[in-house]
Amino acid sequence: MRTIGGWGLLWLVATVAGGALIAQAALGRHEAAFGADVRIAHRLLSQQAVQYDAVLATLALLGTPGEAGPDGRPERRLSAVYPAILDVLRRERDGRWSDPRLARAEEASRTTRQPALAEVDLPAGRYTLVAAAEPVSHALRLDLAAAIPWRDWPMDRAASPVRLTVEQAGQAFVVQPGRPATAGGWTLSMQKTLASPSQPFEVVATRQVTWQELPWAWIALWAAAVGLALAAARTVQRLRTARRRAEELLRLGQVARLNTLGEMAAGLAHELNQPLTAILASTQAARRLLDDRPPELDAARGAMGQAAEQARRAATVVGRLRRAIERPATDAERQPVVLQDVVRSALDLLEPECARHAVQVDIDATDGPPVRVLADPVALEQIVHNLLVNAIQALDAVPPGTRRIAIAVQVLGDQGRLAVGDSGPGIAPELRPRLFEPFFTTREGGLGLGLSLSETLATGMGGTLSAAPPGGAHGLRGACFHLDLELA
């Protein structure tokens, strides 16, 4: 939860879960609409089938009709009322059907006492229904396509994705073709038998819900809402964490201030104790020499000279402490500064030190394109000076012939980088976490404030100062520091 990856995983899980619920709800709506349409279609087809049973029952009740019309067969006019009735056939008393199938259907109808199917040609949409009666039996030749009440039909036959067929004994009549099946998606299906025992046709409906029919806009909106909610939660968490951290740092800072003052006092006492003791001893010796009769002026002068030398030594200690903790004004504005110029200026000042310690300096990119960064010039010079002085002092631990400092200036994205490495003994892994702590030092006589102050100055300019793994600058195996600042 505290890392970006954790928040991303939480967003992914919430998005997938919510998207699945939204998709499931959409599938439920498609399924409900599909079921409603198919039930309406089944009811309409069942009404038509029952109607034909009623027509046959009515014809049976009428028996032998009287003469009406030119052919004496008024039932032939049923096609004008029922377009699905193609023809009305009848078997008179003691007569025979011309088609044996009609005779078999009449016998079945006489046994079941309900109309029976004589011939079925569902691919052509035709079938014949026979009802046995006395003295006259009747048969209806029916057109299934004409029997469909399109005016009340719940679906658009041409555009509906539902495929609906009427099936019986392996034959099928396509009422509406629906949408062709494709790979993937979800298939809905329903099968119902017509509500007429004489016409046991199955109404079979299928419908495929494709991936494209899912409410992707709502899913995307859900994903965006989850992302915004998690971003807000992460921001609130970070603010709370930062506040708790600031409160903790404030509390620790009050304790650290006392520890720092104690360490500073101990360091000053250690540094100044020897020269002050020597000054006291030299001045007391000079007073005794002057009190002698006759006074020993030459010896007194020598004692005073030693006192003066020790005073200068004490002043050097105080000056070194002041330079270590001194920092430029915090209200100085950043301005474009060429990193190569700052490096050259620092090397000019430290050239005598490099010569005295037999240090070879390798410089990369000082003659290349100028790298301009936004920085406070005074603070930047102090950081570079501190890094170079630390490198020179670290090289005292290796033989003179192997003392090297490597300096590199380069552009990394929108930042300029100054890398300073040396061929010294390097930094032990267990000491790296404490490098930038105030008053932490591994050098005898050091105050441990240079790196701490340099990091503070770099942060104040919007940059970073970090200890890099060895070998970063010219492949040297000693310490290596990176100063990264925003490009101007």
Protein backbone atom coordinates (compact mmCIF):
# COMPACT_ATOMS: atom_id res chain seq x y z
CA MET A 1 0.00 0.00 0.00
CA ARG A 2 2.89 2.38 0.59
CA THR A 3 4.48 1.94 -2.81
CA ILE A 4 3.28 3.03 -6.22
CA GLY A 5 3.16 -0.63 -7.25
CA GLY A 6 0.89 -1.43 -4.31
CA TRP A 7 -1.48 1.42 -5.17
CA GLY A 8 -1.42 0.34 -8.82
CA LEU A 9 -2.28 -3.24 -7.85
CA LEU A 10 -5.13 -1.99 -5.66
CA TRP A 11 -6.43 0.13 -8.56
CA LEU A 12 -6.21 -2.87 -10.89
CA VAL A 13 -8.08 -5.16 -8.48
CA ALA A 14 -10.80 -2.57 -7.80
CA THR A 15 -11.16 -1.79 -11.51
CA VAL A 16 -11.43 -5.46 -12.48
CA ALA A 17 -13.91 -6.20 -9.68
CA GLY A 18 -16.06 -3.16 -10.46
CA GLY A 19 -15.81 -3.77 -14.20
CA ALA A 20 -16.92 -7.36 -13.68
CA LEU A 21 -19.96 -6.21 -11.68
CA ILE A 22 -20.85 -3.63 -14.34
CA ALA A 23 -20.45 -6.24 -17.09
CA GLN A 24 -22.51 -8.74 -15.09
CA ALA A 25 -25.29 -6.18 -14.65
CA ALA A 26 -25.21 -5.43 -18.38
CA LEU A 27 -25.39 -9.14 -19.19
CA GLY A 28 -28.33 -9.42 -16.79
CA ARG A 29 -30.15 -6.64 -18.66
CA HIS A 30 -29.43 -8.30 -22.01
CA GLU A 31 -30.66 -11.63 -20.64
CA ALA A 32 -33.84 -10.06 -19.21
CA ALA A 33 -34.62 -8.28 -22.49
CA PHE A 34 -33.88 -11.49 -24.42
CA GLY A 35 -36.18 -13.54 -22.19
CA ALA A 36 -38.98 -10.98 -22.41
CA ASP A 37 -38.81 -10.79 -26.22
CA VAL A 38 -38.75 -14.58 -26.62
CA ARG A 39 -41.69 -15.07 -24.25
CA ILE A 40 -43.74 -12.51 -26.18
CA ALA A 41 -42.83 -14.19 -29.48
CA HIS A 42 -43.77 -17.61 -28.05
CA ARG A 43 -47.11 -16.29 -26.82
CA LEU A 44 -47.94 -14.77 -30.20
CA LEU A 45 -47.07 -17.98 -32.08
CA SER A 46 -49.02 -20.05 -29.54
CA GLN A 47 -52.06 -17.83 -30.04
CA GLN A 48 -51.88 -18.44 -33.77
CA ALA A 49 -51.60 -22.21 -33.28
CA VAL A 50 -54.56 -22.30 -30.85
CA GLN A 51 -56.54 -20.22 -33.32
CA TYR A 52 -56.13 -22.87 -36.01
CA ASP A 53 -57.38 -25.51 -33.58
CA ALA A 54 -60.41 -23.31 -32.97
CA VAL A 55 -61.02 -22.93 -36.72
CA LEU A 56 -60.99 -26.71 -37.18
CA ALA A 57 -63.30 -27.14 -34.19
CA THR A 58 -65.69 -24.58 -35.67
CA LEU A 59 -65.70 -26.33 -39.03
CA ALA A 60 -66.45 -29.63 -37.30
CA LEU A 61 -69.42 -28.08 -35.46
CA LEU A 62 -70.83 -26.65 -38.66
CA GLY A 63 -70.95 -30.14 -40.16
CA THR A 64 -72.20 -30.14 -43.77
CA PRO A 65 -72.82 -26.54 -44.71
CA GLY A 66 -75.57 -25.43 -47.01
CA GLU A 67 -75.02 -24.17 -50.44
CA ALA A 68 -73.17 -20.84 -50.40
CA GLY A 69 -71.20 -19.30 -53.17
CA PRO A 70 -70.52 -20.75 -56.56
CA ASP A 71 -68.90 -23.92 -55.15
CA GLY A 72 -71.06 -24.43 -52.10
CA ARG A 73 -67.88 -24.28 -49.90
CA PRO A 74 -68.02 -21.10 -47.74
CA GLU A 75 -64.98 -22.31 -45.67
CA ARG A 76 -62.77 -21.60 -48.65
CA ARG A 77 -63.20 -17.93 -47.87
CA LEU A 78 -61.25 -18.42 -44.61
CA SER A 79 -58.02 -17.46 -46.42
CA ALA A 80 -59.36 -13.91 -46.71
CA VAL A 81 -59.68 -13.73 -42.92
CA TYR A 82 -56.64 -15.87 -42.04
CA PRO A 83 -53.79 -15.28 -44.55
CA ALA A 84 -51.87 -18.21 -43.08
CA ILE A 85 -54.59 -20.68 -44.22
CA LEU A 86 -53.57 -21.57 -47.75
CA ASP A 87 -56.36 -24.07 -48.33
CA VAL A 88 -59.17 -25.91 -46.55
CA LEU A 89 -59.59 -29.59 -47.40
CA ARG A 90 -62.52 -31.83 -46.47
CA ARG A 91 -63.42 -35.48 -46.54
CA GLU A 92 -67.12 -36.10 -47.15
CA ARG A 93 -69.06 -38.96 -45.57
CA ASP A 94 -67.86 -42.24 -47.04
CA GLY A 95 -65.20 -40.33 -48.97
CA ARG A 96 -61.44 -40.82 -49.02
CA TRP A 97 -58.46 -38.50 -48.70
CA SER A 98 -56.33 -38.19 -51.77
CA ASP A 99 -53.14 -38.24 -49.66
CA PRO A 100 -52.49 -41.25 -47.36
CA ARG A 101 -50.80 -38.92 -44.86
CA LEU A 102 -54.09 -37.12 -44.41
CA ALA A 103 -55.82 -40.42 -43.70
CA ARG A 104 -53.23 -41.40 -41.08
CA ALA A 105 -53.49 -37.98 -39.47
CA GLU A 106 -57.30 -38.31 -39.34
CA GLU A 107 -56.97 -41.65 -37.54
CA ALA A 108 -54.54 -40.09 -35.07
CA SER A 109 -56.92 -37.19 -34.56
CA ARG A 110 -59.82 -39.59 -33.98
CA THR A 111 -57.74 -41.41 -31.35
CA THR A 112 -56.49 -38.29 -29.52
CA ARG A 113 -59.70 -36.30 -30.15
CA GLN A 114 -57.68 -33.30 -31.23
CA PRO A 115 -56.20 -32.09 -34.49
CA ALA A 116 -53.11 -33.92 -35.75
CA LEU A 117 -50.25 -33.05 -38.08
CA ALA A 118 -50.43 -34.69 -41.51
CA GLU A 119 -47.44 -33.32 -43.34
CA VAL A 120 -44.71 -30.97 -42.14
CA ASP A 121 -42.24 -29.11 -44.36
CA LEU A 122 -40.74 -26.58 -41.96
CA PRO A 123 -37.85 -25.47 -44.23
CA ALA A 124 -40.55 -24.29 -46.67
CA GLY A 125 -42.73 -23.02 -43.84
CA ARG A 126 -45.66 -25.35 -44.69
CA TYR A 127 -47.63 -27.91 -42.71
CA THR A 128 -51.10 -29.51 -42.77
CA LEU A 129 -53.39 -29.93 -39.77
CA VAL A 130 -56.25 -32.50 -39.82
CA ALA A 131 -59.25 -32.73 -37.47
CA ALA A 132 -61.45 -35.87 -37.53
CA ALA A 133 -65.18 -35.27 -37.25
CA GLU A 134 -68.55 -36.71 -38.36
CA PRO A 135 -69.87 -36.56 -40.92
CA VAL A 136 -67.14 -34.35 -42.46
CA SER A 137 -63.43 -34.14 -41.55
CA HIS A 138 -61.42 -31.04 -42.39
CA ALA A 139 -57.75 -30.24 -42.97
CA LEU A 140 -55.94 -26.87 -43.09
CA ARG A 141 -52.89 -26.24 -45.22
CA LEU A 142 -50.97 -23.55 -43.32
CA ASP A 143 -48.22 -21.09 -44.18
CA LEU A 144 -46.05 -20.60 -41.11
CA ALA A 145 -44.44 -17.40 -42.41
CA ALA A 146 -47.84 -15.78 -42.94
CA ALA A 147 -48.91 -16.85 -39.46
CA ILE A 148 -46.39 -14.60 -37.72
CA PRO A 149 -48.07 -11.40 -36.45
CA TRP A 150 -45.33 -8.97 -37.42
CA ARG A 151 -47.39 -5.97 -36.34
CA ASP A 152 -47.20 -7.14 -32.70
CA TRP A 153 -43.76 -8.76 -32.99
CA PRO A 154 -41.43 -7.61 -30.16
CA MET A 155 -38.25 -7.57 -32.26
CA ASP A 156 -37.00 -6.01 -35.47
CA ARG A 157 -36.67 -9.02 -37.73
CA ALA A 158 -33.86 -7.48 -39.80
CA ALA A 159 -31.81 -5.83 -37.05
CA SER A 160 -32.41 -7.98 -33.97
CA PRO A 161 -29.41 -10.03 -32.78
CA VAL A 162 -31.78 -12.82 -31.64
CA ARG A 163 -32.02 -15.86 -33.89
CA LEU A 164 -35.45 -17.47 -33.59
CA THR A 165 -36.55 -20.70 -35.26
CA VAL A 166 -39.55 -23.03 -35.13
CA GLU A 167 -38.35 -26.64 -35.01
CA GLN A 168 -39.88 -30.10 -35.04
CA ALA A 169 -38.37 -33.56 -35.70
CA GLY A 170 -35.10 -32.20 -37.01
CA GLN A 171 -36.72 -29.61 -39.30
CA ALA A 172 -36.48 -25.88 -38.71
CA PHE A 173 -38.16 -22.76 -40.00
CA VAL A 174 -36.15 -19.55 -39.53
CA VAL A 175 -38.43 -16.84 -38.22
CA GLN A 176 -35.62 -14.29 -37.95
CA PRO A 177 -31.93 -14.90 -38.72
CA GLY A 178 -30.41 -12.85 -35.92
CA ARG A 179 -26.73 -11.96 -35.83
CA PRO A 180 -24.12 -14.46 -37.07
CA ALA A 181 -22.21 -16.15 -34.25
CA THR A 182 -18.62 -15.04 -33.63
CA ALA A 183 -15.82 -16.27 -31.41
CA GLY A 184 -15.94 -15.11 -27.82
CA GLY A 185 -18.75 -13.48 -25.88
CA TRP A 186 -21.71 -15.05 -24.08
CA THR A 187 -24.52 -17.14 -25.59
CA LEU A 188 -28.12 -16.84 -24.33
CA SER A 189 -30.66 -19.49 -25.30
CA MET A 190 -34.30 -20.37 -24.62
CA GLN A 191 -36.58 -23.14 -25.89
CA LYS A 192 -40.37 -23.33 -25.39
CA THR A 193 -43.05 -25.57 -26.91
CA LEU A 194 -46.11 -23.97 -28.50
CA ALA A 195 -49.20 -24.01 -26.27
CA SER A 196 -51.13 -26.21 -28.73
CA PRO A 197 -50.90 -30.00 -28.28
CA SER A 198 -51.81 -30.48 -31.93
CA GLN A 199 -48.81 -28.47 -33.11
CA PRO A 200 -45.89 -29.51 -30.88
CA PHE A 201 -43.40 -27.12 -32.47
CA GLU A 202 -40.42 -25.88 -30.45
CA VAL A 203 -39.67 -22.17 -30.43
CA VAL A 204 -35.88 -22.02 -30.18
CA ALA A 205 -34.13 -18.67 -29.61
CA THR A 206 -30.41 -17.92 -29.28
CA ARG A 207 -28.58 -14.66 -28.84
CA GLN A 208 -24.84 -13.94 -28.56
CA VAL A 209 -23.70 -11.00 -26.44
CA THR A 210 -20.35 -9.86 -27.82
CA TRP A 211 -17.53 -8.07 -26.04
CA GLN A 212 -18.37 -4.90 -27.96
CA GLU A 213 -21.81 -4.79 -26.33
CA LEU A 214 -20.39 -4.43 -22.84
CA PRO A 215 -20.72 -0.92 -21.35
CA TRP A 216 -17.07 0.02 -21.83
CA ALA A 217 -17.81 3.70 -21.28
CA TRP A 218 -19.17 2.95 -17.80
CA ILE A 219 -16.27 0.62 -17.09
CA ALA A 220 -13.79 3.33 -18.14
CA LEU A 221 -15.66 5.86 -15.99
CA TRP A 222 -15.47 3.43 -13.05
CA ALA A 223 -11.74 2.94 -13.62
CA ALA A 224 -11.20 6.71 -13.70
CA ALA A 225 -13.30 7.19 -10.55
CA VAL A 226 -11.34 4.48 -8.72
CA GLY A 227 -8.08 6.04 -9.88
CA LEU A 228 -9.12 9.48 -8.63
CA ALA A 229 -10.33 8.06 -5.32
CA LEU A 230 -7.10 6.14 -4.77
CA ALA A 231 -5.03 9.16 -5.80
CA ALA A 232 -6.90 11.26 -3.25
CA ALA A 233 -6.45 8.56 -0.61
CA ARG A 234 -2.74 8.30 -1.39
CA THR A 235 -2.37 12.07 -1.17
CA VAL A 236 -4.14 12.13 2.19
CA GLN A 237 -1.97 9.27 3.41
CA ARG A 238 1.19 11.01 2.26
CA LEU A 239 0.14 14.23 3.96
CA ARG A 240 -0.57 12.38 7.18
CA THR A 241 2.72 10.52 6.95
CA ALA A 242 4.59 13.74 6.23
CA ARG A 243 2.92 15.45 9.18
CA ARG A 244 3.76 12.59 11.52
CA ARG A 245 7.31 12.52 10.18
CA ALA A 246 7.66 16.27 10.65
CA GLU A 247 6.37 16.01 14.20
CA GLU A 248 8.77 13.16 14.90
CA LEU A 249 11.68 15.04 13.34
CA LEU A 250 10.81 18.10 15.39
CA ARG A 251 10.83 16.04 18.55
CA LEU A 252 14.06 14.30 17.61
CA GLY A 253 15.57 17.59 16.52
CA GLN A 254 15.15 19.00 20.00
CA VAL A 255 17.09 16.05 21.39
CA ALA A 256 19.61 16.10 18.55
CA ARG A 257 20.27 19.79 19.17
CA LEU A 258 21.47 19.04 22.66
CA ASN A 259 23.57 16.13 21.39
CA THR A 260 25.03 18.33 18.66
CA LEU A 261 25.96 21.04 21.12
CA GLY A 262 27.58 18.44 23.34
CA GLU A 263 29.53 16.95 20.42
CA MET A 264 30.60 20.39 19.26
CA ALA A 265 31.70 21.34 22.74
CA ALA A 266 33.61 18.07 23.10
CA GLY A 267 35.25 18.57 19.71
CA LEU A 268 36.26 22.13 20.48
CA ALA A 269 37.56 21.12 23.91
CA HIS A 270 39.61 18.33 22.35
CA GLU A 271 40.95 20.54 19.57
CA LEU A 272 41.72 23.59 21.76
CA ASN A 273 42.92 21.86 24.90
CA GLN A 274 46.48 21.20 23.68
CA PRO A 275 47.23 24.66 22.19
CA LEU A 276 45.68 26.46 25.18
CA THR A 277 47.74 24.33 27.59
CA ALA A 278 50.87 25.12 25.57
CA ILE A 279 50.04 28.86 25.56
CA LEU A 280 49.56 28.83 29.32
CA ALA A 281 52.83 26.99 29.88
CA SER A 282 54.75 29.30 27.49
CA THR A 283 53.42 32.52 29.00
CA GLN A 284 54.16 31.33 32.55
CA ALA A 285 57.68 30.40 31.49
CA ALA A 286 58.16 33.81 29.84
CA ARG A 287 57.00 35.59 33.02
CA ARG A 288 59.46 33.66 35.13
CA LEU A 289 62.26 34.41 32.70
CA LEU A 290 61.41 38.11 32.78
CA ASP A 291 61.32 38.12 36.59
CA ASP A 292 64.86 36.78 36.77
CA ARG A 293 67.68 39.21 37.60
CA PRO A 294 68.96 39.86 35.11
CA PRO A 295 65.96 38.84 32.90
CA GLU A 296 66.64 36.21 30.24
CA LEU A 297 65.19 38.09 27.31
CA ASP A 298 66.15 35.66 24.59
CA ALA A 299 64.57 32.73 26.37
CA ALA A 300 61.49 34.82 27.16
CA ARG A 301 61.18 35.79 23.50
CA GLY A 302 61.36 32.12 22.53
CA ALA A 303 58.64 31.23 25.06
CA MET A 304 56.41 34.04 23.77
CA GLY A 305 57.05 32.88 20.19
CA GLN A 306 55.88 29.39 21.15
CA ALA A 307 52.79 30.92 22.78
CA ALA A 308 52.06 32.88 19.62
CA GLU A 309 52.48 29.73 17.49
CA GLN A 310 50.02 27.85 19.70
CA ALA A 311 47.60 30.80 19.54
CA ARG A 312 47.74 30.67 15.76
CA ARG A 313 47.07 26.92 15.96
CA ALA A 314 43.99 27.57 18.13
CA ALA A 315 42.83 30.24 15.67
CA THR A 316 43.24 27.72 12.85
CA VAL A 317 41.00 25.26 14.70
CA VAL A 318 38.33 27.92 15.25
CA GLY A 319 38.60 29.08 11.64
CA ARG A 320 38.29 25.54 10.34
CA LEU A 321 35.16 25.03 12.45
CA ARG A 322 33.69 28.30 11.20
CA ARG A 323 34.36 27.44 7.56
CA ALA A 324 32.77 24.01 8.06
CA ILE A 325 29.50 25.33 9.49
CA GLU A 326 29.30 28.59 7.53
CA ARG A 327 26.64 28.58 4.81
CA PRO A 328 25.60 31.20 2.24
CA ALA A 329 22.50 33.31 2.71
CA THR A 330 19.37 31.20 2.38
CA ASP A 331 17.49 33.90 0.46
CA ALA A 332 19.96 33.90 -2.46
CA GLU A 333 18.18 33.31 -5.78
CA ARG A 334 19.21 30.57 -8.17
CA GLN A 335 20.76 31.65 -11.43
CA PRO A 336 22.38 29.94 -14.43
CA VAL A 337 25.88 28.71 -13.56
CA VAL A 338 28.27 26.77 -15.79
CA LEU A 339 29.40 23.64 -13.93
CA GLN A 340 32.73 23.51 -15.80
CA ASP A 341 33.60 27.05 -14.67
CA VAL A 342 32.95 26.19 -11.03
CA VAL A 343 35.15 23.08 -11.34
CA ARG A 344 38.01 25.05 -12.92
CA SER A 345 37.77 27.74 -10.23
CA ALA A 346 37.89 25.17 -7.41
CA LEU A 347 40.84 23.34 -9.00
CA ASP A 348 42.77 26.61 -9.34
CA LEU A 349 42.36 27.25 -5.61
CA LEU A 350 43.32 23.70 -4.67
CA GLU A 351 46.23 23.31 -7.10
CA PRO A 352 48.86 23.80 -4.36
CA GLU A 353 47.14 21.18 -2.17
CA CYS A 354 47.02 18.71 -5.05
CA ALA A 355 50.73 19.26 -5.72
CA ARG A 356 51.65 18.93 -2.06
CA HIS A 357 49.76 15.61 -1.75
CA ALA A 358 50.93 14.32 -5.17
CA VAL A 359 47.34 13.98 -6.45
CA GLN A 360 46.63 13.57 -10.17
CA VAL A 361 43.34 15.10 -11.32
CA ASP A 362 41.56 13.69 -14.40
CA ILE A 363 38.87 15.98 -15.81
CA ASP A 364 36.17 14.94 -18.26
CA ALA A 365 33.99 17.36 -20.26
CA THR A 366 35.52 20.62 -19.02
CA ASP A 367 36.25 21.50 -22.64
CA GLY A 368 32.90 20.17 -23.94
CA PRO A 369 29.60 22.06 -24.31
CA PRO A 370 28.89 24.15 -21.21
CA VAL A 371 26.46 22.54 -18.79
CA ARG A 372 24.36 25.33 -17.28
CA VAL A 373 22.48 24.58 -14.07
CA LEU A 374 20.28 26.65 -11.79
CA ALA A 375 22.18 27.21 -8.54
CA ASP A 376 23.43 29.72 -5.99
CA PRO A 377 27.03 30.35 -7.19
CA VAL A 378 28.49 30.71 -3.68
CA ALA A 379 26.76 27.56 -2.38
CA LEU A 380 27.79 25.59 -5.46
CA GLU A 381 31.44 26.64 -5.08
CA GLN A 382 31.38 25.57 -1.44
CA ILE A 383 29.94 22.12 -2.32
CA VAL A 384 32.55 21.51 -5.03
CA HIS A 385 35.35 22.74 -2.73
CA ASN A 386 34.20 20.40 0.07
CA LEU A 387 33.99 17.38 -2.26
CA LEU A 388 37.49 18.00 -3.65
CA VAL A 389 39.02 18.61 -0.19
CA ASN A 390 37.46 15.37 1.10
CA ALA A 391 38.88 13.47 -1.88
CA ILE A 392 42.39 14.94 -1.36
CA GLN A 393 42.33 14.06 2.33
CA ALA A 394 41.07 10.51 1.61
CA LEU A 395 44.02 9.90 -0.74
CA ASP A 396 46.52 10.23 2.12
CA ALA A 397 45.69 6.60 2.93
CA VAL A 398 47.08 5.25 -0.40
CA PRO A 399 50.59 5.35 -1.90
CA PRO A 400 51.53 8.60 -3.73
CA GLY A 401 51.74 6.98 -7.16
CA THR A 402 48.10 5.83 -7.03
CA ARG A 403 46.47 9.05 -5.85
CA ARG A 404 43.92 10.11 -8.47
CA ILE A 405 40.78 12.24 -8.55
CA ALA A 406 38.31 11.88 -11.43
CA ILE A 407 35.84 14.67 -12.24
CA ALA A 408 33.03 14.28 -14.81
CA VAL A 409 30.36 16.73 -15.95
CA GLN A 410 27.42 15.44 -17.99
CA VAL A 411 23.74 16.01 -18.82
CA LEU A 412 21.18 13.44 -17.65
CA GLY A 413 17.68 14.26 -18.89
CA ASP A 414 16.70 17.62 -17.44
CA GLN A 415 19.55 17.67 -14.91
CA GLY A 416 23.25 18.39 -14.95
CA ARG A 417 25.52 16.05 -12.98
CA LEU A 418 28.92 16.61 -11.39
CA ALA A 419 30.66 13.35 -10.41
CA VAL A 420 33.73 13.41 -8.15
CA GLY A 421 35.52 10.12 -7.51
CA ASP A 422 38.87 9.16 -6.03
CA SER A 423 41.17 6.15 -5.85
CA GLY A 424 41.21 6.13 -2.07
CA PRO A 425 40.15 3.30 0.26
CA GLY A 426 36.46 4.02 -0.35
CA ILE A 427 33.55 3.95 2.06
CA ALA A 428 32.63 0.87 4.05
CA PRO A 429 29.07 -0.32 3.32
CA GLU A 430 28.02 -0.05 6.95
CA LEU A 431 29.09 3.63 7.04
CA ARG A 432 27.18 4.76 3.95
CA PRO A 433 23.85 5.40 5.76
CA ARG A 434 25.61 7.87 8.11
CA LEU A 435 27.69 9.82 5.57
CA PHE A 436 25.52 12.94 5.71
CA GLU A 437 24.93 12.98 9.46
CA PRO A 438 26.30 16.10 11.20
CA PHE A 439 29.57 15.51 13.10
CA PHE A 440 30.01 12.01 11.65
CA THR A 441 33.55 11.54 10.35
CA THR A 442 36.05 8.74 9.82
CA ARG A 443 39.06 11.07 9.60
CA GLU A 444 41.07 11.85 12.70
CA GLY A 445 40.70 15.51 13.58
CA GLY A 446 37.70 16.02 11.25
CA LEU A 447 34.52 17.75 12.37
CA GLY A 448 32.09 15.78 10.17
CA LEU A 449 30.21 18.85 8.95
CA GLY A 450 31.37 19.18 5.33
CA LEU A 451 29.13 16.56 3.70
CA SER A 452 26.17 17.42 5.94
CA LEU A 453 26.41 21.10 5.00
CA SER A 454 26.93 20.27 1.31
CA GLU A 455 23.82 18.10 1.22
CA THR A 456 21.80 20.85 2.89
CA LEU A 457 23.02 23.39 0.34
CA ALA A 458 22.27 21.05 -2.59
CA THR A 459 18.74 20.39 -1.31
CA GLY A 460 18.17 24.11 -0.84
CA MET A 461 18.96 24.64 -4.54
CA GLY A 462 16.49 21.96 -5.63
CA GLY A 463 19.19 19.36 -6.26
CA THR A 464 20.58 16.24 -4.63
CA LEU A 465 23.96 15.11 -3.32
CA SER A 466 24.43 11.37 -3.04
CA ALA A 467 27.14 8.78 -2.59
CA ALA A 468 27.41 6.64 -5.73
CA PRO A 469 28.67 3.07 -5.94
CA PRO A 470 32.45 2.79 -6.51
CA GLY A 471 33.68 2.84 -10.09
CA GLY A 472 31.20 5.49 -11.24
CA ALA A 473 33.80 8.08 -12.21
CA HIS A 474 36.60 6.82 -14.53
CA GLY A 475 36.31 3.37 -12.97
CA LEU A 476 38.05 4.37 -9.72
CA ARG A 477 37.31 2.08 -6.80
CA GLY A 478 37.28 4.71 -4.06
CA ALA A 479 34.51 7.05 -2.94
CA CYS A 480 32.30 8.69 -5.58
CA PHE A 481 29.76 11.48 -5.07
CA HIS A 482 27.10 12.76 -7.49
CA LEU A 483 25.76 16.31 -7.41
CA ASP A 484 22.59 16.66 -9.54
CA LEU A 485 21.09 20.08 -10.27
CA GLU A 486 18.29 21.26 -12.56
CA LEU A 487 19.42 22.47 -15.96
CA ALA A 488 19.00 26.17 -16.62
